[in-house]
Amino acid sequence: MHVVVTYDISEDKRRTKIHKALTSYGQWMQFSVFECSLTNTQYAKLRNRLNQLIKPDEDSIRFYFLCECCQKKVERIGGELVRDDTVFFA
């Protein structure tokens, strides 16, 4: 599944922990935006980890799921190129 994760974390220390956690699962695209290609298991682990790091009354994390068709409709102008993690064996 392809997931866009956005976050609004009020405290620098927690925000840094969230950023580091997301770096293990996806590509940082903008200040508080990551794009992740995840299995169901990876998503469950990521969601659990993030849930442990935030203060729900102060912080917010959102997950936007994109189907394969919708992924092809994403347009970009500038910024970092999308990383291609495809592995080919010859």
PDB file of N, CA and C in Angstrom:
ATOM      1  N   MET A   1       0.837  -1.180   0.000  1.00  0.00           N
ATOM      2  CA  MET A   1       0.000   0.000   0.000  1.00  0.00           C
ATOM      3  C   MET A   1       0.880   1.240   0.000  1.00  0.00           C
ATOM      4  N   HIS A   2       0.383   2.278  -0.615  1.00  0.00           N
ATOM      5  CA  HIS A   2       1.117   3.538  -0.640  1.00  0.00           C
ATOM      6  C   HIS A   2       0.410   4.505   0.302  1.00  0.00           C
ATOM      7  N   VAL A   3       1.158   5.050   1.259  1.00  0.00           N
ATOM      8  CA  VAL A   3       0.582   5.903   2.288  1.00  0.00           C
ATOM      9  C   VAL A   3       1.349   7.217   2.354  1.00  0.00           C
ATOM     10  N   VAL A   4       0.622   8.319   2.371  1.00  0.00           N
ATOM     11  CA  VAL A   4       1.209   9.626   2.632  1.00  0.00           C
ATOM     12  C   VAL A   4       0.935   9.915   4.101  1.00  0.00           C
ATOM     13  N   VAL A   5       2.000  10.176   4.852  1.00  0.00           N
ATOM     14  CA  VAL A   5       1.880  10.436   6.282  1.00  0.00           C
ATOM     15  C   VAL A   5       2.240  11.892   6.536  1.00  0.00           C
ATOM     16  N   THR A   6       1.335  12.595   7.204  1.00  0.00           N
ATOM     17  CA  THR A   6       1.597  13.985   7.587  1.00  0.00           C
ATOM     18  C   THR A   6       1.498  14.086   9.101  1.00  0.00           C
ATOM     19  N   TYR A   7       2.245  15.013   9.663  1.00  0.00           N
ATOM     20  CA  TYR A   7       2.205  15.154  11.111  1.00  0.00           C
ATOM     21  C   TYR A   7       2.338  16.611  11.529  1.00  0.00           C
ATOM     22  N   ASP A   8       1.713  16.903  12.650  1.00  0.00           N
ATOM     23  CA  ASP A   8       1.788  18.215  13.282  1.00  0.00           C
ATOM     24  C   ASP A   8       2.109  17.949  14.750  1.00  0.00           C
ATOM     25  N   ILE A   9       3.376  18.088  15.102  1.00  0.00           N
ATOM     26  CA  ILE A   9       3.866  17.761  16.437  1.00  0.00           C
ATOM     27  C   ILE A   9       4.368  19.057  17.079  1.00  0.00           C
ATOM     28  N   SER A  10       3.846  19.364  18.250  1.00  0.00           N
ATOM     29  CA  SER A  10       4.125  20.656  18.868  1.00  0.00           C
ATOM     30  C   SER A  10       5.505  20.775  19.507  1.00  0.00           C
ATOM     31  N   GLU A  11       6.092  19.694  19.935  1.00  0.00           N
ATOM     32  CA  GLU A  11       7.373  19.737  20.651  1.00  0.00           C
ATOM     33  C   GLU A  11       8.507  19.232  19.760  1.00  0.00           C
ATOM     34  N   ASP A  12       9.623  19.970  19.736  1.00  0.00           N
ATOM     35  CA  ASP A  12      10.758  19.623  18.880  1.00  0.00           C
ATOM     36  C   ASP A  12      11.279  18.205  19.127  1.00  0.00           C
ATOM     37  N   LYS A  13      11.430  17.826  20.383  1.00  0.00           N
ATOM     38  CA  LYS A  13      11.991  16.511  20.707  1.00  0.00           C
ATOM     39  C   LYS A  13      11.096  15.385  20.174  1.00  0.00           C
ATOM     40  N   ARG A  14       9.792  15.498  20.370  1.00  0.00           N
ATOM     41  CA  ARG A  14       8.863  14.479  19.856  1.00  0.00           C
ATOM     42  C   ARG A  14       8.827  14.507  18.334  1.00  0.00           C
ATOM     43  N   ARG A  15       8.862  15.700  17.763  1.00  0.00           N
ATOM     44  CA  ARG A  15       8.846  15.822  16.307  1.00  0.00           C
ATOM     45  C   ARG A  15      10.063  15.132  15.698  1.00  0.00           C
ATOM     46  N   THR A  16      11.219  15.274  16.326  1.00  0.00           N
ATOM     47  CA  THR A  16      12.434  14.614  15.850  1.00  0.00           C
ATOM     48  C   THR A  16      12.287  13.092  15.937  1.00  0.00           C
ATOM     49  N   LYS A  17      11.704  12.590  17.000  1.00  0.00           N
ATOM     50  CA  LYS A  17      11.495  11.139  17.145  1.00  0.00           C
ATOM     51  C   LYS A  17      10.537  10.616  16.077  1.00  0.00           C
ATOM     52  N   ILE A  18       9.479  11.376  15.806  1.00  0.00           N
ATOM     53  CA  ILE A  18       8.523  10.985  14.769  1.00  0.00           C
ATOM     54  C   ILE A  18       9.218  10.957  13.417  1.00  0.00           C
ATOM     55  N   HIS A  19      10.004  11.995  13.130  1.00  0.00           N
ATOM     56  CA  HIS A  19      10.729  12.075  11.859  1.00  0.00           C
ATOM     57  C   HIS A  19      11.665  10.869  11.697  1.00  0.00           C
ATOM     58  N   LYS A  20      12.418  10.544  12.732  1.00  0.00           N
ATOM     59  CA  LYS A  20      13.342   9.403  12.670  1.00  0.00           C
ATOM     60  C   LYS A  20      12.594   8.095  12.466  1.00  0.00           C
ATOM     61  N   ALA A  21      11.476   7.929  13.144  1.00  0.00           N
ATOM     62  CA  ALA A  21      10.680   6.709  12.983  1.00  0.00           C
ATOM     63  C   ALA A  21      10.182   6.578  11.545  1.00  0.00           C
ATOM     64  N   LEU A  22       9.687   7.671  10.989  1.00  0.00           N
ATOM     65  CA  LEU A  22       9.167   7.633   9.619  1.00  0.00           C
ATOM     66  C   LEU A  22      10.272   7.411   8.590  1.00  0.00           C
ATOM     67  N   THR A  23      11.466   7.893   8.872  1.00  0.00           N
ATOM     68  CA  THR A  23      12.591   7.699   7.955  1.00  0.00           C
ATOM     69  C   THR A  23      12.878   6.217   7.741  1.00  0.00           C
ATOM     70  N   SER A  24      12.578   5.401   8.739  1.00  0.00           N
ATOM     71  CA  SER A  24      12.790   3.957   8.629  1.00  0.00           C
ATOM     72  C   SER A  24      11.769   3.293   7.708  1.00  0.00           C
ATOM     73  N   TYR A  25      10.679   3.991   7.392  1.00  0.00           N
ATOM     74  CA  TYR A  25       9.589   3.384   6.637  1.00  0.00           C
ATOM     75  C   TYR A  25       9.301   4.039   5.292  1.00  0.00           C
ATOM     76  N   GLY A  26       9.807   5.249   5.083  1.00  0.00           N
ATOM     77  CA  GLY A  26       9.461   5.927   3.840  1.00  0.00           C
ATOM     78  C   GLY A  26      10.420   7.043   3.498  1.00  0.00           C
ATOM     79  N   GLN A  27      10.013   7.847   2.535  1.00  0.00           N
ATOM     80  CA  GLN A  27      10.844   8.932   2.028  1.00  0.00           C
ATOM     81  C   GLN A  27      10.272  10.268   2.483  1.00  0.00           C
ATOM     82  N   TRP A  28      11.132  11.087   3.050  1.00  0.00           N
ATOM     83  CA  TRP A  28      10.762  12.426   3.483  1.00  0.00           C
ATOM     84  C   TRP A  28      10.586  13.294   2.250  1.00  0.00           C
ATOM     85  N   MET A  29       9.399  13.893   2.087  1.00  0.00           N
ATOM     86  CA  MET A  29       9.116  14.674   0.885  1.00  0.00           C
ATOM     87  C   MET A  29       9.077  16.176   1.167  1.00  0.00           C
ATOM     88  N   GLN A  30       8.466  16.567   2.285  1.00  0.00           N
ATOM     89  CA  GLN A  30       8.388  17.960   2.694  1.00  0.00           C
ATOM     90  C   GLN A  30       8.500  17.999   4.206  1.00  0.00           C
ATOM     91  N   PHE A  31       8.485  19.180   4.792  1.00  0.00           N
ATOM     92  CA  PHE A  31       8.759  19.320   6.223  1.00  0.00           C
ATOM     93  C   PHE A  31       8.053  18.285   7.091  1.00  0.00           C
ATOM     94  N   SER A  32       6.785  18.099   6.940  1.00  0.00           N
ATOM     95  CA  SER A  32       6.045  17.161   7.786  1.00  0.00           C
ATOM     96  C   SER A  32       5.290  16.147   6.947  1.00  0.00           C
ATOM     97  N   VAL A  33       5.893  15.741   5.834  1.00  0.00           N
ATOM     98  CA  VAL A  33       5.236  14.821   4.903  1.00  0.00           C
ATOM     99  C   VAL A  33       6.199  13.713   4.486  1.00  0.00           C
ATOM    100  N   PHE A  34       5.730  12.481   4.620  1.00  0.00           N
ATOM    101  CA  PHE A  34       6.470  11.313   4.163  1.00  0.00           C
ATOM    102  C   PHE A  34       5.604  10.518   3.199  1.00  0.00           C
ATOM    103  N   GLU A  35       6.233   9.870   2.234  1.00  0.00           N
ATOM    104  CA  GLU A  35       5.563   8.917   1.363  1.00  0.00           C
ATOM    105  C   GLU A  35       6.147   7.549   1.669  1.00  0.00           C
ATOM    106  N   CYS A  36       5.271   6.583   1.920  1.00  0.00           N
ATOM    107  CA  CYS A  36       5.706   5.249   2.327  1.00  0.00           C
ATOM    108  C   CYS A  36       5.019   4.178   1.491  1.00  0.00           C
ATOM    109  N   SER A  37       5.784   3.197   1.045  1.00  0.00           N
ATOM    110  CA  SER A  37       5.221   1.993   0.428  1.00  0.00           C
ATOM    111  C   SER A  37       5.362   0.894   1.469  1.00  0.00           C
ATOM    112  N   LEU A  38       4.239   0.415   1.987  1.00  0.00           N
ATOM    113  CA  LEU A  38       4.246  -0.470   3.139  1.00  0.00           C
ATOM    114  C   LEU A  38       3.412  -1.722   2.907  1.00  0.00           C
ATOM    115  N   THR A  39       3.817  -2.779   3.573  1.00  0.00           N
ATOM    116  CA  THR A  39       2.959  -3.951   3.676  1.00  0.00           C
ATOM    117  C   THR A  39       1.991  -3.697   4.826  1.00  0.00           C
ATOM    118  N   ASN A  40       0.993  -4.544   4.962  1.00  0.00           N
ATOM    119  CA  ASN A  40       0.058  -4.395   6.085  1.00  0.00           C
ATOM    120  C   ASN A  40       0.785  -4.501   7.424  1.00  0.00           C
ATOM    121  N   THR A  41       1.749  -5.418   7.507  1.00  0.00           N
ATOM    122  CA  THR A  41       2.510  -5.597   8.744  1.00  0.00           C
ATOM    123  C   THR A  41       3.351  -4.367   9.049  1.00  0.00           C
ATOM    124  N   GLN A  42       4.029  -3.833   8.048  1.00  0.00           N
ATOM    125  CA  GLN A  42       4.839  -2.635   8.250  1.00  0.00           C
ATOM    126  C   GLN A  42       3.967  -1.460   8.698  1.00  0.00           C
ATOM    127  N   TYR A  43       2.793  -1.319   8.082  1.00  0.00           N
ATOM    128  CA  TYR A  43       1.896  -0.239   8.469  1.00  0.00           C
ATOM    129  C   TYR A  43       1.471  -0.384   9.925  1.00  0.00           C
ATOM    130  N   ALA A  44       1.126  -1.586  10.325  1.00  0.00           N
ATOM    131  CA  ALA A  44       0.699  -1.814  11.713  1.00  0.00           C
ATOM    132  C   ALA A  44       1.822  -1.480  12.692  1.00  0.00           C
ATOM    133  N   LYS A  45       3.045  -1.890  12.360  1.00  0.00           N
ATOM    134  CA  LYS A  45       4.190  -1.594  13.225  1.00  0.00           C
ATOM    135  C   LYS A  45       4.451  -0.090  13.290  1.00  0.00           C
ATOM    136  N   LEU A  46       4.407   0.571  12.139  1.00  0.00           N
ATOM    137  CA  LEU A  46       4.642   2.021  12.099  1.00  0.00           C
ATOM    138  C   LEU A  46       3.576   2.760  12.907  1.00  0.00           C
ATOM    139  N   ARG A  47       2.326   2.408  12.680  1.00  0.00           N
ATOM    140  CA  ARG A  47       1.228   3.079  13.395  1.00  0.00           C
ATOM    141  C   ARG A  47       1.364   2.894  14.906  1.00  0.00           C
ATOM    142  N   ASN A  48       1.701   1.697  15.320  1.00  0.00           N
ATOM    143  CA  ASN A  48       1.891   1.413  16.743  1.00  0.00           C
ATOM    144  C   ASN A  48       3.051   2.240  17.319  1.00  0.00           C
ATOM    145  N   ARG A  49       4.148   2.274  16.588  1.00  0.00           N
ATOM    146  CA  ARG A  49       5.324   3.026  17.056  1.00  0.00           C
ATOM    147  C   ARG A  49       5.009   4.519  17.184  1.00  0.00           C
ATOM    148  N   LEU A  50       4.352   5.075  16.167  1.00  0.00           N
ATOM    149  CA  LEU A  50       4.013   6.496  16.209  1.00  0.00           C
ATOM    150  C   LEU A  50       3.040   6.793  17.336  1.00  0.00           C
ATOM    151  N   ASN A  51       2.095   5.903  17.536  1.00  0.00           N
ATOM    152  CA  ASN A  51       1.111   6.081  18.604  1.00  0.00           C
ATOM    153  C   ASN A  51       1.780   6.139  19.972  1.00  0.00           C
ATOM    154  N   GLN A  52       2.869   5.411  20.146  1.00  0.00           N
ATOM    155  CA  GLN A  52       3.595   5.418  21.414  1.00  0.00           C
ATOM    156  C   GLN A  52       4.404   6.699  21.613  1.00  0.00           C
ATOM    157  N   LEU A  53       4.750   7.363  20.511  1.00  0.00           N
ATOM    158  CA  LEU A  53       5.613   8.542  20.587  1.00  0.00           C
ATOM    159  C   LEU A  53       4.864   9.857  20.778  1.00  0.00           C
ATOM    160  N   ILE A  54       3.600   9.906  20.394  1.00  0.00           N
ATOM    161  CA  ILE A  54       2.890  11.187  20.422  1.00  0.00           C
ATOM    162  C   ILE A  54       2.125  11.406  21.726  1.00  0.00           C
ATOM    163  N   LYS A  55       1.717  12.657  21.899  1.00  0.00           N
ATOM    164  CA  LYS A  55       0.761  13.023  22.942  1.00  0.00           C
ATOM    165  C   LYS A  55      -0.532  13.348  22.194  1.00  0.00           C
ATOM    166  N   PRO A  56      -1.515  12.442  22.239  1.00  0.00           N
ATOM    167  CA  PRO A  56      -2.728  12.600  21.425  1.00  0.00           C
ATOM    168  C   PRO A  56      -3.484  13.906  21.648  1.00  0.00           C
ATOM    169  N   ASP A  57      -3.382  14.483  22.818  1.00  0.00           N
ATOM    170  CA  ASP A  57      -4.093  15.734  23.071  1.00  0.00           C
ATOM    171  C   ASP A  57      -3.360  16.949  22.494  1.00  0.00           C
ATOM    172  N   GLU A  58      -2.094  16.778  22.076  1.00  0.00           N
ATOM    173  CA  GLU A  58      -1.312  17.887  21.532  1.00  0.00           C
ATOM    174  C   GLU A  58      -0.877  17.674  20.084  1.00  0.00           C
ATOM    175  N   ASP A  59      -0.713  16.435  19.669  1.00  0.00           N
ATOM    176  CA  ASP A  59      -0.125  16.106  18.370  1.00  0.00           C
ATOM    177  C   ASP A  59      -1.157  15.483  17.435  1.00  0.00           C
ATOM    178  N   SER A  60      -0.822  15.499  16.155  1.00  0.00           N
ATOM    179  CA  SER A  60      -1.698  14.909  15.148  1.00  0.00           C
ATOM    180  C   SER A  60      -0.868  14.240  14.059  1.00  0.00           C
ATOM    181  N   ILE A  61      -1.255  13.030  13.703  1.00  0.00           N
ATOM    182  CA  ILE A  61      -0.642  12.321  12.580  1.00  0.00           C
ATOM    183  C   ILE A  61      -1.781  11.832  11.701  1.00  0.00           C
ATOM    184  N   ARG A  62      -1.643  12.037  10.396  1.00  0.00           N
ATOM    185  CA  ARG A  62      -2.671  11.597   9.453  1.00  0.00           C
ATOM    186  C   ARG A  62      -2.060  10.669   8.419  1.00  0.00           C
ATOM    187  N   PHE A  63      -2.835   9.663   8.032  1.00  0.00           N
ATOM    188  CA  PHE A  63      -2.422   8.682   7.031  1.00  0.00           C
ATOM    189  C   PHE A  63      -3.386   8.790   5.850  1.00  0.00           C
ATOM    190  N   TYR A  64      -2.850   9.052   4.674  1.00  0.00           N
ATOM    191  CA  TYR A  64      -3.653   9.125   3.453  1.00  0.00           C
ATOM    192  C   TYR A  64      -3.233   7.959   2.562  1.00  0.00           C
ATOM    193  N   PHE A  65      -4.175   7.077   2.269  1.00  0.00           N
ATOM    194  CA  PHE A  65      -3.896   5.884   1.475  1.00  0.00           C
ATOM    195  C   PHE A  65      -4.208   6.166   0.009  1.00  0.00           C
ATOM    196  N   LEU A  66      -3.234   5.875  -0.853  1.00  0.00           N
ATOM    197  CA  LEU A  66      -3.407   6.086  -2.282  1.00  0.00           C
ATOM    198  C   LEU A  66      -3.436   4.741  -3.002  1.00  0.00           C
ATOM    199  N   CYS A  67      -4.473   4.547  -3.807  1.00  0.00           N
ATOM    200  CA  CYS A  67      -4.525   3.330  -4.619  1.00  0.00           C
ATOM    201  C   CYS A  67      -3.507   3.472  -5.752  1.00  0.00           C
ATOM    202  N   GLU A  68      -3.251   2.383  -6.445  1.00  0.00           N
ATOM    203  CA  GLU A  68      -2.265   2.401  -7.524  1.00  0.00           C
ATOM    204  C   GLU A  68      -2.648   3.407  -8.603  1.00  0.00           C
ATOM    205  N   CYS A  69      -3.929   3.485  -8.918  1.00  0.00           N
ATOM    206  CA  CYS A  69      -4.410   4.432  -9.923  1.00  0.00           C
ATOM    207  C   CYS A  69      -4.158   5.874  -9.471  1.00  0.00           C
ATOM    208  N   CYS A  70      -4.424   6.147  -8.200  1.00  0.00           N
ATOM    209  CA  CYS A  70      -4.233   7.506  -7.667  1.00  0.00           C
ATOM    210  C   CYS A  70      -2.755   7.892  -7.621  1.00  0.00           C
ATOM    211  N   GLN A  71      -1.888   6.928  -7.379  1.00  0.00           N
ATOM    212  CA  GLN A  71      -0.447   7.212  -7.339  1.00  0.00           C
ATOM    213  C   GLN A  71       0.015   7.781  -8.663  1.00  0.00           C
ATOM    214  N   LYS A  72      -0.547   7.286  -9.746  1.00  0.00           N
ATOM    215  CA  LYS A  72      -0.147   7.740 -11.083  1.00  0.00           C
ATOM    216  C   LYS A  72      -0.635   9.152 -11.369  1.00  0.00           C
ATOM    217  N   LYS A  73      -1.564   9.652 -10.555  1.00  0.00           N
ATOM    218  CA  LYS A  73      -2.112  10.992 -10.765  1.00  0.00           C
ATOM    219  C   LYS A  73      -1.390  12.055  -9.942  1.00  0.00           C
ATOM    220  N   VAL A  74      -0.420  11.657  -9.145  1.00  0.00           N
ATOM    221  CA  VAL A  74       0.320  12.617  -8.328  1.00  0.00           C
ATOM    222  C   VAL A  74       1.258  13.398  -9.239  1.00  0.00           C
ATOM    223  N   GLU A  75       1.197  14.711  -9.140  1.00  0.00           N
ATOM    224  CA  GLU A  75       2.086  15.580  -9.912  1.00  0.00           C
ATOM    225  C   GLU A  75       3.031  16.281  -8.967  1.00  0.00           C
ATOM    226  N   ARG A  76       4.253  16.488  -9.415  1.00  0.00           N
ATOM    227  CA  ARG A  76       5.250  17.170  -8.595  1.00  0.00           C
ATOM    228  C   ARG A  76       5.900  18.274  -9.414  1.00  0.00           C
ATOM    229  N   ILE A  77       6.191  19.366  -8.747  1.00  0.00           N
ATOM    230  CA  ILE A  77       6.967  20.447  -9.339  1.00  0.00           C
ATOM    231  C   ILE A  77       8.086  20.740  -8.353  1.00  0.00           C
ATOM    232  N   GLY A  78       9.311  20.498  -8.746  1.00  0.00           N
ATOM    233  CA  GLY A  78      10.450  20.752  -7.877  1.00  0.00           C
ATOM    234  C   GLY A  78      10.527  19.762  -6.731  1.00  0.00           C
ATOM    235  N   GLY A  79      11.420  20.043  -5.812  1.00  0.00           N
ATOM    236  CA  GLY A  79      11.586  19.174  -4.651  1.00  0.00           C
ATOM    237  C   GLY A  79      12.399  17.941  -4.967  1.00  0.00           C
ATOM    238  N   GLU A  80      12.506  17.093  -3.985  1.00  0.00           N
ATOM    239  CA  GLU A  80      13.297  15.880  -4.093  1.00  0.00           C
ATOM    240  C   GLU A  80      12.612  14.873  -5.008  1.00  0.00           C
ATOM    241  N   LEU A  81      13.401  14.196  -5.838  1.00  0.00           N
ATOM    242  CA  LEU A  81      12.856  13.163  -6.698  1.00  0.00           C
ATOM    243  C   LEU A  81      12.413  11.978  -5.861  1.00  0.00           C
ATOM    244  N   VAL A  82      11.401  11.301  -6.325  1.00  0.00           N
ATOM    245  CA  VAL A  82      10.906  10.126  -5.635  1.00  0.00           C
ATOM    246  C   VAL A  82      11.921   9.010  -5.791  1.00  0.00           C
ATOM    247  N   ARG A  83      12.252   8.375  -4.681  1.00  0.00           N
ATOM    248  CA  ARG A  83      13.224   7.290  -4.666  1.00  0.00           C
ATOM    249  C   ARG A  83      12.594   6.044  -5.262  1.00  0.00           C
ATOM    250  N   ASP A  84      13.329   5.362  -6.127  1.00  0.00           N
ATOM    251  CA  ASP A  84      12.851   4.114  -6.719  1.00  0.00           C
ATOM    252  C   ASP A  84      13.546   2.962  -5.989  1.00  0.00           C
ATOM    253  N   ASP A  85      12.767   2.234  -5.186  1.00  0.00           N
ATOM    254  CA  ASP A  85      13.316   1.129  -4.402  1.00  0.00           C
ATOM    255  C   ASP A  85      13.132  -0.224  -5.099  1.00  0.00           C
ATOM    256  N   THR A  86      12.783  -0.183  -6.377  1.00  0.00           N
ATOM    257  CA  THR A  86      12.581  -1.422  -7.120  1.00  0.00           C
ATOM    258  C   THR A  86      13.905  -2.154  -7.253  1.00  0.00           C
ATOM    259  N   VAL A  87      13.873  -3.445  -6.991  1.00  0.00           N
ATOM    260  CA  VAL A  87      15.073  -4.277  -7.097  1.00  0.00           C
ATOM    261  C   VAL A  87      14.887  -5.216  -8.275  1.00  0.00           C
ATOM    262  N   PHE A  88      15.863  -5.241  -9.155  1.00  0.00           N
ATOM    263  CA  PHE A  88      15.812  -6.125 -10.318  1.00  0.00           C
ATOM    264  C   PHE A  88      16.938  -7.149 -10.194  1.00  0.00           C
ATOM    265  N   PHE A  89      16.647  -8.389 -10.520  1.00  0.00           N
ATOM    266  CA  PHE A  89      17.641  -9.441 -10.547  1.00  0.00           C
ATOM    267  C   PHE A  89      17.793  -9.922 -11.981  1.00  0.00           C
ATOM    268  N   ALA A  90      19.030 -10.069 -12.418  1.00  0.00           N
ATOM    269  CA  ALA A  90      19.274 -10.506 -13.799  1.00  0.00           C
ATOM    270  C   ALA A  90      19.695 -11.946 -13.836  1.00  0.00           C
TER     271      ALA A  90
END
